[in-house]
Amino acid sequence: MRHVSRSGTYLRIAERSWRDPLSPAYSRERGGRWNPPDSFGVLYLNGTIELARAQVRRKLEPRGIHPEDLDPAAGPVLVQTEVPKKRFVDAVSEAGLTSLGLPASYPLFESGQEMPHSSCQPIGVKAWNADEPGIACRSAADPDLEELALFDRGSELKPVNTERFEDWY
């Protein structure tokens, strides 16, 4: 596995009702791109506000809803946090993707179809077992933008700022 250094401000989309918006508990139970259900927790973070907006659109589109259709008081909040500098598994660069056995077109197959979570979960398990802190990766919501999949290794991030939907979207 190749590595890249990452640190700084990252963003988490959260429901207003969540008691701890930076908890990886939901992904521990349900799984995600890099972790199978009922395994280890992963906190999925957005590298930019543009990506956070793309994530919201991606979540709503299958239901025929546009972000503008949401009641601003009911829309998700955006939680800002600071990630300390670490070396993460590289699923961003072509060399990093190749080292993981993923195509250079990741998160898409060369056909243009999105790769399923089942293609990435074994890589996440391998990284977890190698005691990696997480994976820096291209986003399925916008492959030109980057996410950080931060493994639950006991270090707790703190919210720095929380913005209401009507203020960030």
C-alpha atoms as a PDB file:
ATOM      1  CA  MET A   1       0.000   0.000   0.000  1.00  0.00           C
ATOM      2  CA  ARG A   2       1.176   3.489  -0.830  1.00  0.00           C
ATOM      3  CA  HIS A   3       0.568   6.430   1.502  1.00  0.00           C
ATOM      4  CA  VAL A   4      -0.237  10.146   1.373  1.00  0.00           C
ATOM      5  CA  SER A   5      -0.092  12.699   4.174  1.00  0.00           C
ATOM      6  CA  ARG A   6      -3.319  14.448   5.041  1.00  0.00           C
ATOM      7  CA  SER A   7      -4.355  16.912   7.730  1.00  0.00           C
ATOM      8  CA  GLY A   8      -6.461  19.973   8.276  1.00  0.00           C
ATOM      9  CA  THR A   9     -10.108  20.877   8.001  1.00  0.00           C
ATOM     10  CA  TYR A  10     -12.589  18.164   7.008  1.00  0.00           C
ATOM     11  CA  LEU A  11     -16.372  18.243   6.901  1.00  0.00           C
ATOM     12  CA  ARG A  12     -19.045  15.821   8.049  1.00  0.00           C
ATOM     13  CA  ILE A  13     -22.655  15.958   6.885  1.00  0.00           C
ATOM     14  CA  ALA A  14     -24.893  15.127   9.834  1.00  0.00           C
ATOM     15  CA  GLU A  15     -28.545  15.015  10.727  1.00  0.00           C
ATOM     16  CA  ARG A  16     -29.536  17.644  13.282  1.00  0.00           C
ATOM     17  CA  SER A  17     -30.804  14.912  15.603  1.00  0.00           C
ATOM     18  CA  TRP A  18     -27.475  13.076  15.876  1.00  0.00           C
ATOM     19  CA  ARG A  19     -26.117  13.293  19.403  1.00  0.00           C
ATOM     20  CA  ASP A  20     -22.513  12.836  18.252  1.00  0.00           C
ATOM     21  CA  PRO A  21     -22.092  13.762  14.576  1.00  0.00           C
ATOM     22  CA  LEU A  22     -18.463  12.606  14.575  1.00  0.00           C
ATOM     23  CA  SER A  23     -19.219   9.111  15.823  1.00  0.00           C
ATOM     24  CA  PRO A  24     -18.323   6.172  13.547  1.00  0.00           C
ATOM     25  CA  ALA A  25     -20.950   3.968  15.268  1.00  0.00           C
ATOM     26  CA  TYR A  26     -23.408   4.038  12.354  1.00  0.00           C
ATOM     27  CA  SER A  27     -20.831   2.790   9.850  1.00  0.00           C
ATOM     28  CA  ARG A  28     -19.645   0.124  12.305  1.00  0.00           C
ATOM     29  CA  GLU A  29     -23.145  -1.355  12.229  1.00  0.00           C
ATOM     30  CA  ARG A  30     -24.159  -0.664   8.619  1.00  0.00           C
ATOM     31  CA  GLY A  31     -20.799  -0.681   6.861  1.00  0.00           C
ATOM     32  CA  GLY A  32     -19.655   1.662   4.129  1.00  0.00           C
ATOM     33  CA  ARG A  33     -17.341   1.797   1.150  1.00  0.00           C
ATOM     34  CA  TRP A  34     -14.265   0.728   3.150  1.00  0.00           C
ATOM     35  CA  ASN A  35     -15.797  -1.315   5.987  1.00  0.00           C
ATOM     36  CA  PRO A  36     -18.198  -4.260   5.929  1.00  0.00           C
ATOM     37  CA  PRO A  37     -21.250  -4.221   8.203  1.00  0.00           C
ATOM     38  CA  ASP A  38     -20.691  -5.278  11.822  1.00  0.00           C
ATOM     39  CA  SER A  39     -16.949  -4.747  11.642  1.00  0.00           C
ATOM     40  CA  PHE A  40     -14.908  -1.659  12.570  1.00  0.00           C
ATOM     41  CA  GLY A  41     -16.098   1.936  12.499  1.00  0.00           C
ATOM     42  CA  VAL A  42     -15.121   4.458   9.866  1.00  0.00           C
ATOM     43  CA  LEU A  43     -15.814   8.168   9.973  1.00  0.00           C
ATOM     44  CA  TYR A  44     -16.380   9.349   6.413  1.00  0.00           C
ATOM     45  CA  LEU A  45     -15.297  12.964   5.933  1.00  0.00           C
ATOM     46  CA  ASN A  46     -15.475  15.370   2.996  1.00  0.00           C
ATOM     47  CA  GLY A  47     -12.391  17.262   1.917  1.00  0.00           C
ATOM     48  CA  THR A  48     -14.306  20.314   0.641  1.00  0.00           C
ATOM     49  CA  ILE A  49     -17.667  22.029   0.894  1.00  0.00           C
ATOM     50  CA  GLU A  50     -18.159  21.312  -2.835  1.00  0.00           C
ATOM     51  CA  LEU A  51     -17.926  17.601  -2.071  1.00  0.00           C
ATOM     52  CA  ALA A  52     -20.318  17.901   0.873  1.00  0.00           C
ATOM     53  CA  ARG A  53     -22.841  19.538  -1.471  1.00  0.00           C
ATOM     54  CA  ALA A  54     -22.296  16.785  -4.064  1.00  0.00           C
ATOM     55  CA  GLN A  55     -22.906  14.165  -1.353  1.00  0.00           C
ATOM     56  CA  VAL A  56     -26.251  15.745  -0.468  1.00  0.00           C
ATOM     57  CA  ARG A  57     -27.319  15.788  -4.120  1.00  0.00           C
ATOM     58  CA  ARG A  58     -26.228  12.165  -4.524  1.00  0.00           C
ATOM     59  CA  LYS A  59     -28.288  11.096  -1.515  1.00  0.00           C
ATOM     60  CA  LEU A  60     -31.430  12.942  -2.608  1.00  0.00           C
ATOM     61  CA  GLU A  61     -31.468  12.347  -6.379  1.00  0.00           C
ATOM     62  CA  PRO A  62     -32.629   8.698  -6.297  1.00  0.00           C
ATOM     63  CA  ARG A  63     -35.711   9.893  -4.419  1.00  0.00           C
ATOM     64  CA  GLY A  64     -36.398  12.644  -6.958  1.00  0.00           C
ATOM     65  CA  ILE A  65     -35.629  15.365  -4.416  1.00  0.00           C
ATOM     66  CA  HIS A  66     -33.417  18.386  -4.981  1.00  0.00           C
ATOM     67  CA  PRO A  67     -31.605  20.148  -2.126  1.00  0.00           C
ATOM     68  CA  GLU A  68     -33.664  23.252  -2.869  1.00  0.00           C
ATOM     69  CA  ASP A  69     -36.808  21.211  -2.064  1.00  0.00           C
ATOM     70  CA  LEU A  70     -35.717  20.644   1.542  1.00  0.00           C
ATOM     71  CA  ASP A  71     -37.092  22.690   4.393  1.00  0.00           C
ATOM     72  CA  PRO A  72     -33.916  24.525   5.482  1.00  0.00           C
ATOM     73  CA  ALA A  73     -34.776  23.819   9.120  1.00  0.00           C
ATOM     74  CA  ALA A  74     -34.809  20.088   8.376  1.00  0.00           C
ATOM     75  CA  GLY A  75     -31.705  19.899   6.182  1.00  0.00           C
ATOM     76  CA  PRO A  76     -28.454  18.343   7.378  1.00  0.00           C
ATOM     77  CA  VAL A  77     -25.872  20.351   9.252  1.00  0.00           C
ATOM     78  CA  LEU A  78     -22.235  20.574   8.279  1.00  0.00           C
ATOM     79  CA  VAL A  79     -19.755  19.791  11.034  1.00  0.00           C
ATOM     80  CA  GLN A  80     -16.220  21.048  10.662  1.00  0.00           C
ATOM     81  CA  THR A  81     -13.376  19.195  12.369  1.00  0.00           C
ATOM     82  CA  GLU A  82      -9.577  19.244  12.307  1.00  0.00           C
ATOM     83  CA  VAL A  83      -7.713  16.058  11.400  1.00  0.00           C
ATOM     84  CA  PRO A  84      -4.147  15.825  12.733  1.00  0.00           C
ATOM     85  CA  LYS A  85      -1.390  15.117  10.192  1.00  0.00           C
ATOM     86  CA  LYS A  86      -1.021  11.405   9.453  1.00  0.00           C
ATOM     87  CA  ARG A  87      -0.069   9.109   6.625  1.00  0.00           C
ATOM     88  CA  PHE A  88      -3.156   7.504   5.106  1.00  0.00           C
ATOM     89  CA  VAL A  89      -3.527   4.713   2.589  1.00  0.00           C
ATOM     90  CA  ASP A  90      -3.501   6.298  -0.879  1.00  0.00           C
ATOM     91  CA  ALA A  91      -6.645   5.641  -2.940  1.00  0.00           C
ATOM     92  CA  VAL A  92      -6.259   9.000  -4.704  1.00  0.00           C
ATOM     93  CA  SER A  93      -3.259   8.748  -7.035  1.00  0.00           C
ATOM     94  CA  GLU A  94      -3.003   6.328  -9.928  1.00  0.00           C
ATOM     95  CA  ALA A  95       0.030   4.667  -8.304  1.00  0.00           C
ATOM     96  CA  GLY A  96      -1.852   4.329  -5.019  1.00  0.00           C
ATOM     97  CA  LEU A  97      -4.903   2.832  -6.712  1.00  0.00           C
ATOM     98  CA  THR A  98      -2.743   0.351  -8.635  1.00  0.00           C
ATOM     99  CA  SER A  99      -1.027  -0.726  -5.409  1.00  0.00           C
ATOM    100  CA  LEU A 100      -4.480  -1.532  -3.994  1.00  0.00           C
ATOM    101  CA  GLY A 101      -5.556  -3.485  -7.059  1.00  0.00           C
ATOM    102  CA  LEU A 102      -8.056  -0.806  -8.089  1.00  0.00           C
ATOM    103  CA  PRO A 103      -8.342   0.598 -11.622  1.00  0.00           C
ATOM    104  CA  ALA A 104      -6.989   4.065 -12.411  1.00  0.00           C
ATOM    105  CA  SER A 105     -10.611   5.009 -13.162  1.00  0.00           C
ATOM    106  CA  TYR A 106     -11.626   4.424  -9.510  1.00  0.00           C
ATOM    107  CA  PRO A 107     -14.298   4.978  -8.141  1.00  0.00           C
ATOM    108  CA  LEU A 108     -15.620   3.879 -11.516  1.00  0.00           C
ATOM    109  CA  PHE A 109     -14.938   0.773 -13.542  1.00  0.00           C
ATOM    110  CA  GLU A 110     -13.423   1.541 -16.910  1.00  0.00           C
ATOM    111  CA  SER A 111     -16.952   1.030 -18.292  1.00  0.00           C
ATOM    112  CA  GLY A 112     -18.039   4.100 -16.324  1.00  0.00           C
ATOM    113  CA  GLN A 113     -20.162   2.162 -13.847  1.00  0.00           C
ATOM    114  CA  GLU A 114     -19.588   2.887 -10.153  1.00  0.00           C
ATOM    115  CA  MET A 115     -17.623   0.262  -8.252  1.00  0.00           C
ATOM    116  CA  PRO A 116     -19.685  -1.338  -5.482  1.00  0.00           C
ATOM    117  CA  HIS A 117     -18.679  -1.148  -1.838  1.00  0.00           C
ATOM    118  CA  SER A 118     -17.925  -4.878  -1.959  1.00  0.00           C
ATOM    119  CA  SER A 119     -14.944  -4.094  -4.228  1.00  0.00           C
ATOM    120  CA  CYS A 120     -13.418  -1.776  -1.611  1.00  0.00           C
ATOM    121  CA  GLN A 121     -14.326  -3.430   1.685  1.00  0.00           C
ATOM    122  CA  PRO A 122     -11.593  -6.139   1.512  1.00  0.00           C
ATOM    123  CA  ILE A 123      -9.036  -3.367   0.978  1.00  0.00           C
ATOM    124  CA  GLY A 124     -10.408  -1.528   4.007  1.00  0.00           C
ATOM    125  CA  VAL A 125     -10.189  -4.701   6.104  1.00  0.00           C
ATOM    126  CA  LYS A 126      -6.582  -5.216   4.990  1.00  0.00           C
ATOM    127  CA  ALA A 127      -5.741  -1.604   5.909  1.00  0.00           C
ATOM    128  CA  TRP A 128      -7.540  -1.953   9.255  1.00  0.00           C
ATOM    129  CA  ASN A 129      -5.616  -5.155  10.021  1.00  0.00           C
ATOM    130  CA  ALA A 130      -2.353  -3.378   9.101  1.00  0.00           C
ATOM    131  CA  ASP A 131      -3.158  -0.769  11.779  1.00  0.00           C
ATOM    132  CA  GLU A 132      -3.543   2.047   9.246  1.00  0.00           C
ATOM    133  CA  PRO A 133      -5.329   5.222  10.426  1.00  0.00           C
ATOM    134  CA  GLY A 134      -7.581   5.322   7.371  1.00  0.00           C
ATOM    135  CA  ILE A 135      -7.815   5.839   3.621  1.00  0.00           C
ATOM    136  CA  ALA A 136      -7.617   9.026   1.553  1.00  0.00           C
ATOM    137  CA  CYS A 137      -9.783   8.343  -1.479  1.00  0.00           C
ATOM    138  CA  ARG A 138     -11.528   9.754  -4.499  1.00  0.00           C
ATOM    139  CA  SER A 139     -15.218  10.293  -3.901  1.00  0.00           C
ATOM    140  CA  ALA A 140     -17.978   8.399  -5.702  1.00  0.00           C
ATOM    141  CA  ALA A 141     -20.053  11.600  -5.466  1.00  0.00           C
ATOM    142  CA  ASP A 142     -17.415  13.469  -7.492  1.00  0.00           C
ATOM    143  CA  PRO A 143     -14.260  11.555  -8.515  1.00  0.00           C
ATOM    144  CA  ASP A 144     -12.340  14.830  -8.859  1.00  0.00           C
ATOM    145  CA  LEU A 145     -12.785  15.490  -5.125  1.00  0.00           C
ATOM    146  CA  GLU A 146     -11.414  13.701  -2.103  1.00  0.00           C
ATOM    147  CA  GLU A 147     -12.805  12.035   0.998  1.00  0.00           C
ATOM    148  CA  LEU A 148     -11.077  10.779   4.089  1.00  0.00           C
ATOM    149  CA  ALA A 149     -12.179   7.465   5.575  1.00  0.00           C
ATOM    150  CA  LEU A 150     -10.879   7.762   9.139  1.00  0.00           C
ATOM    151  CA  PHE A 151     -10.715   4.446  10.988  1.00  0.00           C
ATOM    152  CA  ASP A 152     -12.058   4.286  14.539  1.00  0.00           C
ATOM    153  CA  ARG A 153      -8.854   3.787  16.479  1.00  0.00           C
ATOM    154  CA  GLY A 154     -10.015   5.521  19.648  1.00  0.00           C
ATOM    155  CA  SER A 155      -8.917   9.055  18.839  1.00  0.00           C
ATOM    156  CA  GLU A 156     -11.865  11.380  19.087  1.00  0.00           C
ATOM    157  CA  LEU A 157     -12.239  14.344  16.807  1.00  0.00           C
ATOM    158  CA  LYS A 158     -13.976  17.416  18.138  1.00  0.00           C
ATOM    159  CA  PRO A 159     -16.444  19.589  16.254  1.00  0.00           C
ATOM    160  CA  VAL A 160     -14.854  22.957  15.510  1.00  0.00           C
ATOM    161  CA  ASN A 161     -17.926  24.541  13.946  1.00  0.00           C
ATOM    162  CA  THR A 162     -21.433  23.461  12.939  1.00  0.00           C
ATOM    163  CA  GLU A 163     -23.352  25.235  10.181  1.00  0.00           C
ATOM    164  CA  ARG A 164     -27.070  25.059   9.504  1.00  0.00           C
ATOM    165  CA  PHE A 165     -28.135  23.728   6.096  1.00  0.00           C
ATOM    166  CA  GLU A 166     -29.374  27.118   4.925  1.00  0.00           C
ATOM    167  CA  ASP A 167     -25.950  28.608   5.705  1.00  0.00           C
ATOM    168  CA  TRP A 168     -23.730  26.026   4.028  1.00  0.00           C
ATOM    169  CA  TYR A 169     -25.720  24.635   1.132  1.00  0.00           C
END
